[in-house]
Structures are given as C-alpha cells and as structure tokens.
Amino acid sequence: MWCGKFSSIWPASLINQRYNAALYAGGPGARRAEGAVGFVLAPPPVNHFFCIYPSDGNSMGAIEKEHKGHIPAAHACGDTCRPPDVTTGCSYPPHELSAALAANAHFSFESRFKYNEVIVDAERMKAALPHSLLGIFYLDEPTRVQATSLHQQFLATFGLHAAEFPLMHLSLTAGFRPG
C-alpha cells in the first residue's frame, strides 16, 4: 500500500549514449554495480511526459510532499527551470526536452546526477498498454535471464509475438541490438 501513492507517475530516464555508464555501468558516479533490465517506452503522443528533470528529480519525495499537502499537486514536477540562472532542482516542461538534456550535459561524468528523470503519465501509459511499451532491454548476461522471463510474461499477457515486442541487448557503445 505504501507505493500506491506513486501510481500516477512513472519516473524514467532517456538513455544518452554519451552518459549511459553513469547510470548503468558501475564506473565513476554509477548508481548500479551491475547491469539492469528495463522497458523501452513509446515516445509521445502514445506516452505523455509531465516534465523532465535534467538530473535526479526526487519525484517520489515530491509526491510524498504533494500527498501531505506541503506543496501543490504537480505530478512531481516542482519548480520550472529558468535557464541560465536556475537549471538544478527544477524541471522542464515536455516541449523543452532539448533544454533539459543540455542542462544535463553540464553535470560532470563523476556526478551522481549524470542522468535525467522523465516523469511519465502512468495512467496514460497503462491505458495504452501494450502499445505504450516497445520492448524490454538488458545490459549484461547476468540480467538476460530476468529480462527473458519478463519478456515471455509480457508476450503471454498481451498475446503478442516477439517480432511485435522485442527483447533487446543494450550495449553502452553500440546501442540496442536484438537480444
């Protein structure tokens, strides 16, 4: 029941080839010691972005504050960034995606903030299933088993074929490949 309050949003990240290692690979500034399994989300208009943080937006903390009435409900988006003066601790509206990614580029590679946080409308995503998700990816062999199991469950649940919803390997240097 604790996580039910977060059901209106889906925090995600746009993967940028230049900065993948910061979030996924285990090097300087990494948030994970090993690879990960993830979903590839369909872009707008299938999915809707509430906002984009150029770094960790602490969306769960914002939802907590919204539910307690400490701040107005804003789908965890908080204050709007106003470059060049304010570019951290704030979010960009969806139409300013390029500005959010440019602000992210200013964080050093070693920073724990070297990834973005995209706040996706979870209700819209759920309503558009299975088309709101384009596939499943994994980063390394240890996570391939988990990804394969999740992939098979998704195919069975929605009556899809692997050609309609692929399993992919994400290489930090070569991008997505069939998995």
N, C-alpha and C. Protein backbone atom coordinates (compact mmCIF):
# COMPACT_ATOMS: atom_id res chain seq x y z
N MET A 1 0.82 -1.20 0.00
CA MET A 1 0.00 0.00 0.00
C MET A 1 0.86 1.26 0.00
N TRP A 2 2.08 1.17 0.54
CA TRP A 2 2.95 2.34 0.61
C TRP A 2 3.19 2.93 -0.77
N CYS A 3 3.41 2.09 -1.79
CA CYS A 3 3.77 2.61 -3.10
C CYS A 3 2.57 3.06 -3.92
N GLY A 4 1.34 2.80 -3.45
CA GLY A 4 0.15 3.18 -4.19
C GLY A 4 0.07 4.67 -4.49
N LYS A 5 0.62 5.49 -3.61
CA LYS A 5 0.57 6.94 -3.82
C LYS A 5 1.40 7.39 -5.01
N PHE A 6 2.28 6.53 -5.51
CA PHE A 6 3.13 6.88 -6.64
C PHE A 6 2.55 6.40 -7.97
N SER A 7 1.34 5.86 -7.97
CA SER A 7 0.79 5.20 -9.16
C SER A 7 0.45 6.14 -10.32
N SER A 8 0.44 7.44 -10.09
CA SER A 8 0.10 8.36 -11.18
C SER A 8 1.30 8.73 -12.05
N ILE A 9 2.52 8.42 -11.55
CA ILE A 9 3.72 8.75 -12.32
C ILE A 9 4.57 7.52 -12.54
N TRP A 10 5.40 7.58 -13.57
CA TRP A 10 6.39 6.55 -13.87
C TRP A 10 7.70 7.29 -14.11
N PRO A 11 8.57 7.36 -13.12
CA PRO A 11 9.87 8.00 -13.35
C PRO A 11 10.71 7.15 -14.29
N ALA A 12 11.28 7.77 -15.29
CA ALA A 12 12.08 7.07 -16.30
C ALA A 12 13.30 7.92 -16.63
N SER A 13 14.16 7.39 -17.46
CA SER A 13 15.32 8.15 -17.94
C SER A 13 15.45 7.98 -19.43
N LEU A 14 15.83 9.05 -20.09
CA LEU A 14 16.18 8.96 -21.50
C LEU A 14 17.65 8.56 -21.56
N ILE A 15 17.92 7.48 -22.23
CA ILE A 15 19.29 6.98 -22.29
C ILE A 15 20.05 7.75 -23.35
N ASN A 16 21.17 8.29 -22.92
CA ASN A 16 22.03 9.07 -23.79
C ASN A 16 23.34 8.31 -23.93
N GLN A 17 23.73 7.96 -25.14
CA GLN A 17 24.91 7.14 -25.36
C GLN A 17 26.16 7.71 -24.68
N ARG A 18 26.28 9.02 -24.61
CA ARG A 18 27.47 9.63 -24.00
C ARG A 18 27.51 9.45 -22.49
N TYR A 19 26.35 9.20 -21.86
CA TYR A 19 26.31 9.16 -20.41
C TYR A 19 25.75 7.86 -19.83
N ASN A 20 25.53 6.86 -20.65
CA ASN A 20 24.95 5.61 -20.15
C ASN A 20 25.71 5.05 -18.96
N ALA A 21 27.03 5.08 -19.03
CA ALA A 21 27.83 4.46 -17.98
C ALA A 21 27.57 5.06 -16.61
N ALA A 22 27.22 6.30 -16.56
CA ALA A 22 26.98 6.95 -15.27
C ALA A 22 25.83 6.30 -14.52
N LEU A 23 24.83 5.84 -15.22
CA LEU A 23 23.68 5.24 -14.56
C LEU A 23 23.74 3.73 -14.55
N TYR A 24 24.29 3.13 -15.58
CA TYR A 24 24.14 1.69 -15.74
C TYR A 24 25.39 0.84 -15.59
N ALA A 25 26.58 1.38 -15.76
CA ALA A 25 27.74 0.51 -15.94
C ALA A 25 28.55 0.18 -14.71
N GLY A 26 28.49 0.94 -13.66
CA GLY A 26 29.25 0.61 -12.47
C GLY A 26 30.54 1.38 -12.32
N GLY A 27 30.84 2.34 -13.17
CA GLY A 27 32.06 3.14 -13.08
C GLY A 27 31.87 4.34 -12.17
N PRO A 28 32.68 5.37 -12.35
CA PRO A 28 32.57 6.58 -11.52
C PRO A 28 31.16 7.17 -11.60
N GLY A 29 30.59 7.47 -10.47
CA GLY A 29 29.27 8.09 -10.43
C GLY A 29 28.13 7.12 -10.68
N ALA A 30 28.42 5.84 -10.84
CA ALA A 30 27.37 4.86 -11.18
C ALA A 30 26.39 4.68 -10.03
N ARG A 31 25.17 4.41 -10.37
CA ARG A 31 24.14 4.13 -9.37
C ARG A 31 23.96 2.63 -9.19
N ARG A 32 24.53 1.82 -10.10
CA ARG A 32 24.38 0.37 -10.05
C ARG A 32 25.74 -0.29 -10.22
N ALA A 33 25.95 -1.39 -9.52
CA ALA A 33 27.20 -2.13 -9.64
C ALA A 33 27.14 -3.10 -10.82
N GLU A 34 25.93 -3.51 -11.20
CA GLU A 34 25.77 -4.43 -12.32
C GLU A 34 24.73 -3.89 -13.29
N GLY A 35 24.50 -4.63 -14.34
CA GLY A 35 23.55 -4.20 -15.37
C GLY A 35 22.12 -4.16 -14.87
N ALA A 36 21.23 -3.83 -15.76
CA ALA A 36 19.83 -3.68 -15.40
C ALA A 36 18.92 -4.19 -16.51
N VAL A 37 17.67 -4.34 -16.16
CA VAL A 37 16.61 -4.70 -17.10
C VAL A 37 15.67 -3.50 -17.13
N GLY A 38 15.18 -3.16 -18.32
CA GLY A 38 14.27 -2.02 -18.40
C GLY A 38 13.31 -2.14 -19.56
N PHE A 39 12.35 -1.26 -19.58
CA PHE A 39 11.38 -1.16 -20.67
C PHE A 39 11.79 -0.03 -21.60
N VAL A 40 11.51 -0.19 -22.86
CA VAL A 40 11.65 0.88 -23.84
C VAL A 40 10.25 1.47 -24.00
N LEU A 41 10.09 2.73 -23.64
CA LEU A 41 8.79 3.38 -23.70
C LEU A 41 8.54 3.99 -25.08
N ALA A 42 7.30 3.92 -25.51
CA ALA A 42 6.91 4.59 -26.75
C ALA A 42 7.00 6.10 -26.52
N PRO A 43 7.42 6.84 -27.53
CA PRO A 43 7.50 8.29 -27.37
C PRO A 43 6.12 8.93 -27.41
N PRO A 44 6.04 10.21 -27.04
CA PRO A 44 4.78 10.93 -27.22
C PRO A 44 4.38 10.90 -28.69
N PRO A 45 3.13 10.86 -29.02
CA PRO A 45 1.98 11.10 -28.16
C PRO A 45 1.43 9.85 -27.47
N VAL A 46 1.99 8.65 -27.73
CA VAL A 46 1.47 7.45 -27.05
C VAL A 46 1.62 7.62 -25.55
N ASN A 47 2.81 7.92 -25.09
CA ASN A 47 3.04 8.26 -23.70
C ASN A 47 3.10 9.77 -23.57
N HIS A 48 2.81 10.24 -22.38
CA HIS A 48 2.82 11.68 -22.12
C HIS A 48 3.83 11.96 -21.01
N PHE A 49 4.69 12.93 -21.24
CA PHE A 49 5.64 13.36 -20.21
C PHE A 49 5.04 14.54 -19.46
N PHE A 50 5.03 14.45 -18.14
CA PHE A 50 4.61 15.60 -17.34
C PHE A 50 5.72 16.65 -17.33
N CYS A 51 6.97 16.17 -17.18
CA CYS A 51 8.11 17.08 -17.13
C CYS A 51 9.40 16.28 -17.25
N ILE A 52 10.53 16.98 -17.40
CA ILE A 52 11.84 16.36 -17.50
C ILE A 52 12.79 17.10 -16.56
N TYR A 53 13.39 16.36 -15.65
CA TYR A 53 14.45 16.90 -14.80
C TYR A 53 15.78 16.66 -15.48
N PRO A 54 16.69 17.63 -15.45
CA PRO A 54 17.99 17.40 -16.07
C PRO A 54 18.87 16.49 -15.23
N SER A 55 18.42 16.14 -14.01
CA SER A 55 19.16 15.24 -13.13
C SER A 55 18.14 14.49 -12.28
N ASP A 56 18.57 13.91 -11.19
CA ASP A 56 17.66 13.22 -10.28
C ASP A 56 16.65 14.22 -9.74
N GLY A 57 15.38 14.00 -10.02
CA GLY A 57 14.35 14.94 -9.60
C GLY A 57 13.70 14.61 -8.27
N ASN A 58 14.04 13.45 -7.68
CA ASN A 58 13.42 13.02 -6.43
C ASN A 58 11.90 13.07 -6.54
N SER A 59 11.38 12.48 -7.60
CA SER A 59 9.93 12.51 -7.84
C SER A 59 9.15 11.84 -6.71
N MET A 60 9.70 10.79 -6.12
CA MET A 60 9.00 10.14 -5.01
C MET A 60 8.88 11.10 -3.82
N GLY A 61 9.94 11.84 -3.54
CA GLY A 61 9.89 12.83 -2.47
C GLY A 61 8.86 13.91 -2.75
N ALA A 62 8.78 14.34 -4.02
CA ALA A 62 7.80 15.36 -4.39
C ALA A 62 6.37 14.84 -4.24
N ILE A 63 6.13 13.60 -4.62
CA ILE A 63 4.80 13.00 -4.46
C ILE A 63 4.45 12.91 -2.98
N GLU A 64 5.42 12.53 -2.14
CA GLU A 64 5.20 12.49 -0.69
C GLU A 64 4.74 13.86 -0.19
N LYS A 65 5.44 14.92 -0.61
CA LYS A 65 5.09 16.28 -0.18
C LYS A 65 3.72 16.68 -0.71
N GLU A 66 3.40 16.28 -1.96
CA GLU A 66 2.08 16.59 -2.52
C GLU A 66 0.98 15.92 -1.71
N HIS A 67 1.17 14.64 -1.37
CA HIS A 67 0.15 13.91 -0.62
C HIS A 67 -0.03 14.44 0.79
N LYS A 68 1.01 15.00 1.37
CA LYS A 68 0.90 15.57 2.72
C LYS A 68 0.40 17.01 2.68
N GLY A 69 0.20 17.56 1.48
CA GLY A 69 -0.30 18.92 1.34
C GLY A 69 0.75 19.99 1.54
N HIS A 70 2.03 19.60 1.56
CA HIS A 70 3.10 20.59 1.76
C HIS A 70 3.38 21.42 0.50
N ILE A 71 3.06 20.86 -0.65
CA ILE A 71 3.22 21.59 -1.92
C ILE A 71 2.02 21.27 -2.80
N PRO A 72 1.67 22.15 -3.74
CA PRO A 72 0.55 21.87 -4.62
C PRO A 72 0.84 20.66 -5.51
N ALA A 73 -0.20 19.91 -5.85
CA ALA A 73 -0.04 18.76 -6.73
C ALA A 73 0.42 19.22 -8.11
N ALA A 74 1.51 18.63 -8.57
CA ALA A 74 2.07 19.00 -9.88
C ALA A 74 2.71 17.79 -10.55
N HIS A 75 2.19 16.59 -10.27
CA HIS A 75 2.74 15.37 -10.86
C HIS A 75 4.23 15.25 -10.61
N ALA A 76 4.67 15.67 -9.44
CA ALA A 76 6.08 15.58 -9.01
C ALA A 76 7.01 16.48 -9.81
N CYS A 77 6.49 17.48 -10.48
CA CYS A 77 7.33 18.31 -11.33
C CYS A 77 7.97 19.50 -10.62
N GLY A 78 7.45 19.94 -9.52
CA GLY A 78 8.12 21.00 -8.77
C GLY A 78 8.29 22.29 -9.56
N ASP A 79 9.34 23.04 -9.21
CA ASP A 79 9.61 24.33 -9.84
C ASP A 79 10.09 24.15 -11.28
N THR A 80 9.74 25.10 -12.12
CA THR A 80 10.18 25.08 -13.53
C THR A 80 11.56 25.71 -13.64
N CYS A 81 12.44 25.05 -14.38
CA CYS A 81 13.79 25.58 -14.61
C CYS A 81 13.71 26.86 -15.42
N ARG A 82 14.60 27.79 -15.10
CA ARG A 82 14.66 29.07 -15.79
C ARG A 82 16.12 29.36 -16.15
N PRO A 83 16.59 28.73 -17.24
CA PRO A 83 17.99 28.94 -17.63
C PRO A 83 18.23 30.39 -18.03
N PRO A 84 19.40 30.92 -17.89
CA PRO A 84 20.60 30.24 -17.41
C PRO A 84 20.75 30.28 -15.90
N ASP A 85 19.84 30.95 -15.18
CA ASP A 85 20.00 31.14 -13.74
C ASP A 85 19.67 29.89 -12.92
N VAL A 86 18.58 29.21 -13.25
CA VAL A 86 18.15 28.05 -12.46
C VAL A 86 18.05 26.84 -13.38
N THR A 87 18.95 25.86 -13.18
CA THR A 87 18.92 24.65 -14.00
C THR A 87 19.06 23.38 -13.16
N THR A 88 19.11 23.50 -11.84
CA THR A 88 19.17 22.32 -10.98
C THR A 88 18.05 22.40 -9.95
N GLY A 89 17.58 21.22 -9.53
CA GLY A 89 16.49 21.17 -8.56
C GLY A 89 15.18 21.63 -9.13
N CYS A 90 15.05 21.60 -10.44
CA CYS A 90 13.85 22.07 -11.13
C CYS A 90 13.60 21.16 -12.33
N SER A 91 12.44 21.33 -12.95
CA SER A 91 12.11 20.51 -14.11
C SER A 91 11.73 21.39 -15.30
N TYR A 92 11.82 20.79 -16.47
CA TYR A 92 11.46 21.46 -17.72
C TYR A 92 10.14 20.89 -18.23
N PRO A 93 9.32 21.72 -18.85
CA PRO A 93 8.10 21.19 -19.47
C PRO A 93 8.48 20.30 -20.66
N PRO A 94 7.60 19.40 -21.07
CA PRO A 94 7.92 18.45 -22.14
C PRO A 94 8.42 19.10 -23.43
N HIS A 95 7.89 20.26 -23.78
CA HIS A 95 8.31 20.90 -25.04
C HIS A 95 9.73 21.47 -24.96
N GLU A 96 10.34 21.45 -23.77
CA GLU A 96 11.72 21.93 -23.61
C GLU A 96 12.69 20.77 -23.33
N LEU A 97 12.43 19.64 -23.96
CA LEU A 97 13.28 18.46 -23.78
C LEU A 97 14.73 18.75 -24.12
N SER A 98 14.99 19.43 -25.21
CA SER A 98 16.38 19.71 -25.60
C SER A 98 17.08 20.57 -24.55
N ALA A 99 16.38 21.51 -23.94
CA ALA A 99 16.98 22.34 -22.89
C ALA A 99 17.30 21.50 -21.66
N ALA A 100 16.43 20.54 -21.32
CA ALA A 100 16.69 19.66 -20.17
C ALA A 100 17.92 18.81 -20.42
N LEU A 101 18.05 18.28 -21.63
CA LEU A 101 19.22 17.46 -21.95
C LEU A 101 20.49 18.31 -22.00
N ALA A 102 20.38 19.53 -22.47
CA ALA A 102 21.54 20.43 -22.48
C ALA A 102 21.97 20.75 -21.05
N ALA A 103 21.02 20.96 -20.14
CA ALA A 103 21.36 21.22 -18.74
C ALA A 103 22.02 20.00 -18.13
N ASN A 104 21.56 18.80 -18.51
CA ASN A 104 22.17 17.57 -18.02
C ASN A 104 23.62 17.46 -18.46
N ALA A 105 23.94 17.96 -19.64
CA ALA A 105 25.31 17.87 -20.17
C ALA A 105 26.30 18.65 -19.32
N HIS A 106 25.84 19.57 -18.51
CA HIS A 106 26.73 20.37 -17.67
C HIS A 106 27.18 19.65 -16.41
N PHE A 107 26.52 18.55 -16.05
CA PHE A 107 26.96 17.78 -14.89
C PHE A 107 28.20 16.99 -15.28
N SER A 108 29.19 16.93 -14.40
CA SER A 108 30.39 16.16 -14.70
C SER A 108 30.05 14.68 -14.73
N PHE A 109 30.84 13.92 -15.46
CA PHE A 109 30.59 12.49 -15.58
C PHE A 109 30.60 11.80 -14.22
N GLU A 110 31.41 12.28 -13.30
CA GLU A 110 31.52 11.67 -11.99
C GLU A 110 30.34 11.99 -11.09
N SER A 111 29.52 12.94 -11.48
CA SER A 111 28.39 13.35 -10.66
C SER A 111 27.37 12.22 -10.54
N ARG A 112 26.79 12.07 -9.35
CA ARG A 112 25.72 11.09 -9.18
C ARG A 112 24.45 11.55 -9.88
N PHE A 113 24.44 12.76 -10.39
CA PHE A 113 23.28 13.31 -11.09
C PHE A 113 23.39 13.20 -12.61
N LYS A 114 24.33 12.44 -13.12
CA LYS A 114 24.57 12.39 -14.57
C LYS A 114 23.54 11.49 -15.27
N TYR A 115 22.32 11.70 -14.97
CA TYR A 115 21.21 11.08 -15.69
C TYR A 115 20.02 12.00 -15.54
N ASN A 116 19.04 11.83 -16.38
CA ASN A 116 17.85 12.68 -16.32
C ASN A 116 16.71 11.88 -15.71
N GLU A 117 15.68 12.57 -15.31
CA GLU A 117 14.48 11.91 -14.80
C GLU A 117 13.28 12.47 -15.55
N VAL A 118 12.64 11.61 -16.31
CA VAL A 118 11.46 11.98 -17.08
C VAL A 118 10.24 11.47 -16.32
N ILE A 119 9.31 12.35 -16.02
CA ILE A 119 8.11 11.96 -15.29
C ILE A 119 7.01 11.67 -16.31
N VAL A 120 6.67 10.40 -16.42
CA VAL A 120 5.72 9.91 -17.42
C VAL A 120 4.35 9.73 -16.74
N ASP A 121 3.30 10.04 -17.47
CA ASP A 121 1.93 9.85 -17.00
C ASP A 121 1.63 8.35 -16.96
N ALA A 122 1.66 7.76 -15.78
CA ALA A 122 1.48 6.31 -15.64
C ALA A 122 0.07 5.86 -16.00
N GLU A 123 -0.93 6.69 -15.73
CA GLU A 123 -2.31 6.32 -16.07
C GLU A 123 -2.47 6.20 -17.59
N ARG A 124 -1.91 7.15 -18.30
CA ARG A 124 -1.98 7.11 -19.77
C ARG A 124 -1.18 5.93 -20.31
N MET A 125 -0.02 5.67 -19.71
CA MET A 125 0.79 4.53 -20.13
C MET A 125 0.01 3.23 -19.95
N LYS A 126 -0.61 3.08 -18.79
CA LYS A 126 -1.37 1.86 -18.50
C LYS A 126 -2.54 1.70 -19.47
N ALA A 127 -3.24 2.79 -19.75
CA ALA A 127 -4.39 2.74 -20.67
C ALA A 127 -3.98 2.35 -22.08
N ALA A 128 -2.76 2.68 -22.47
CA ALA A 128 -2.28 2.40 -23.84
C ALA A 128 -1.55 1.06 -23.97
N LEU A 129 -1.43 0.30 -22.87
CA LEU A 129 -0.75 -0.99 -22.97
C LEU A 129 -1.43 -1.89 -23.97
N PRO A 130 -0.72 -2.68 -24.73
CA PRO A 130 0.73 -2.90 -24.71
C PRO A 130 1.51 -1.91 -25.58
N HIS A 131 0.81 -1.00 -26.25
CA HIS A 131 1.47 -0.12 -27.22
C HIS A 131 2.31 0.99 -26.59
N SER A 132 2.15 1.23 -25.29
CA SER A 132 2.95 2.25 -24.62
C SER A 132 4.37 1.77 -24.33
N LEU A 133 4.60 0.47 -24.46
CA LEU A 133 5.93 -0.10 -24.29
C LEU A 133 6.35 -0.73 -25.61
N LEU A 134 7.60 -0.52 -25.99
CA LEU A 134 8.09 -1.01 -27.29
C LEU A 134 8.96 -2.25 -27.19
N GLY A 135 9.43 -2.56 -25.99
CA GLY A 135 10.28 -3.73 -25.82
C GLY A 135 10.91 -3.74 -24.45
N ILE A 136 11.73 -4.76 -24.20
CA ILE A 136 12.46 -4.93 -22.95
C ILE A 136 13.93 -5.01 -23.29
N PHE A 137 14.77 -4.39 -22.45
CA PHE A 137 16.21 -4.47 -22.68
C PHE A 137 16.94 -4.96 -21.43
N TYR A 138 18.12 -5.49 -21.66
CA TYR A 138 19.01 -5.88 -20.58
C TYR A 138 20.41 -5.40 -20.95
N LEU A 139 21.28 -5.31 -19.94
CA LEU A 139 22.62 -4.77 -20.18
C LEU A 139 23.74 -5.80 -20.18
N ASP A 140 23.56 -6.90 -19.46
CA ASP A 140 24.64 -7.87 -19.40
C ASP A 140 24.06 -9.27 -19.26
N GLU A 141 24.91 -10.26 -19.39
CA GLU A 141 24.46 -11.65 -19.33
C GLU A 141 23.75 -12.01 -18.03
N PRO A 142 24.24 -11.57 -16.87
CA PRO A 142 23.51 -11.91 -15.64
C PRO A 142 22.07 -11.41 -15.61
N THR A 143 21.76 -10.33 -16.30
CA THR A 143 20.39 -9.81 -16.31
C THR A 143 19.57 -10.34 -17.49
N ARG A 144 20.20 -11.08 -18.39
CA ARG A 144 19.47 -11.62 -19.54
C ARG A 144 18.37 -12.59 -19.11
N VAL A 145 18.64 -13.41 -18.10
CA VAL A 145 17.64 -14.38 -17.63
C VAL A 145 16.40 -13.65 -17.12
N GLN A 146 16.61 -12.62 -16.30
CA GLN A 146 15.48 -11.84 -15.77
C GLN A 146 14.72 -11.18 -16.92
N ALA A 147 15.43 -10.61 -17.87
CA ALA A 147 14.79 -9.94 -19.00
C ALA A 147 14.00 -10.92 -19.85
N THR A 148 14.56 -12.11 -20.06
CA THR A 148 13.88 -13.13 -20.87
C THR A 148 12.59 -13.57 -20.21
N SER A 149 12.62 -13.77 -18.90
CA SER A 149 11.42 -14.16 -18.17
C SER A 149 10.36 -13.06 -18.24
N LEU A 150 10.76 -11.83 -18.00
CA LEU A 150 9.82 -10.70 -18.08
C LEU A 150 9.25 -10.57 -19.49
N HIS A 151 10.10 -10.74 -20.49
CA HIS A 151 9.67 -10.66 -21.89
C HIS A 151 8.62 -11.72 -22.19
N GLN A 152 8.86 -12.96 -21.78
CA GLN A 152 7.91 -14.04 -22.04
C GLN A 152 6.59 -13.79 -21.33
N GLN A 153 6.64 -13.28 -20.12
CA GLN A 153 5.40 -12.96 -19.39
C GLN A 153 4.61 -11.87 -20.10
N PHE A 154 5.30 -10.84 -20.59
CA PHE A 154 4.63 -9.75 -21.28
C PHE A 154 3.97 -10.25 -22.57
N LEU A 155 4.70 -11.07 -23.34
CA LEU A 155 4.14 -11.63 -24.58
C LEU A 155 2.89 -12.44 -24.29
N ALA A 156 2.94 -13.29 -23.27
CA ALA A 156 1.79 -14.13 -22.93
C ALA A 156 0.62 -13.29 -22.43
N THR A 157 0.88 -12.30 -21.61
CA THR A 157 -0.18 -11.47 -21.05
C THR A 157 -0.94 -10.72 -22.13
N PHE A 158 -0.22 -10.21 -23.14
CA PHE A 158 -0.85 -9.39 -24.17
C PHE A 158 -1.04 -10.11 -25.50
N GLY A 159 -0.73 -11.40 -25.56
CA GLY A 159 -0.94 -12.17 -26.78
C GLY A 159 -0.11 -11.66 -27.95
N LEU A 160 1.12 -11.26 -27.66
CA LEU A 160 2.00 -10.71 -28.69
C LEU A 160 3.04 -11.73 -29.13
N HIS A 161 3.67 -11.46 -30.27
CA HIS A 161 4.80 -12.24 -30.76
C HIS A 161 6.06 -11.42 -30.54
N ALA A 162 7.19 -12.11 -30.47
CA ALA A 162 8.47 -11.45 -30.20
C ALA A 162 8.77 -10.37 -31.25
N ALA A 163 8.30 -10.53 -32.47
CA ALA A 163 8.54 -9.52 -33.51
C ALA A 163 7.78 -8.22 -33.20
N GLU A 164 6.69 -8.33 -32.45
CA GLU A 164 5.90 -7.15 -32.09
C GLU A 164 6.42 -6.45 -30.83
N PHE A 165 7.14 -7.19 -30.02
CA PHE A 165 7.63 -6.66 -28.75
C PHE A 165 8.97 -7.33 -28.48
N PRO A 166 10.06 -6.74 -28.96
CA PRO A 166 11.36 -7.41 -28.91
C PRO A 166 12.05 -7.39 -27.55
N LEU A 167 12.90 -8.39 -27.39
CA LEU A 167 13.86 -8.44 -26.30
C LEU A 167 15.17 -7.93 -26.89
N MET A 168 15.79 -6.95 -26.23
CA MET A 168 16.99 -6.31 -26.81
C MET A 168 18.12 -6.26 -25.80
N HIS A 169 19.32 -6.33 -26.32
CA HIS A 169 20.52 -6.09 -25.52
C HIS A 169 20.92 -4.65 -25.75
N LEU A 170 21.19 -3.93 -24.66
CA LEU A 170 21.65 -2.55 -24.78
C LEU A 170 23.14 -2.53 -24.53
N SER A 171 23.88 -2.22 -25.56
CA SER A 171 25.32 -2.05 -25.45
C SER A 171 25.59 -0.58 -25.17
N LEU A 172 26.47 -0.31 -24.21
CA LEU A 172 26.77 1.07 -23.87
C LEU A 172 27.52 1.79 -24.97
N THR A 173 28.05 1.05 -25.94
CA THR A 173 28.76 1.69 -27.05
C THR A 173 28.04 1.55 -28.37
N ALA A 174 27.29 0.47 -28.57
CA ALA A 174 26.66 0.23 -29.87
C ALA A 174 25.15 0.43 -29.89
N GLY A 175 24.55 0.70 -28.74
CA GLY A 175 23.10 0.90 -28.70
C GLY A 175 22.34 -0.41 -28.57
N PHE A 176 21.10 -0.41 -29.06
CA PHE A 176 20.24 -1.59 -28.95
C PHE A 176 20.53 -2.59 -30.06
N ARG A 177 20.54 -3.87 -29.69
CA ARG A 177 20.69 -4.97 -30.63
C ARG A 177 19.64 -6.04 -30.28
N PRO A 178 19.18 -6.82 -31.24
CA PRO A 178 18.26 -7.93 -30.89
C PRO A 178 18.89 -8.81 -29.84
N GLY A 179 18.10 -9.23 -28.87
CA GLY A 179 18.64 -9.99 -27.75
C GLY A 179 18.23 -11.40 -27.70
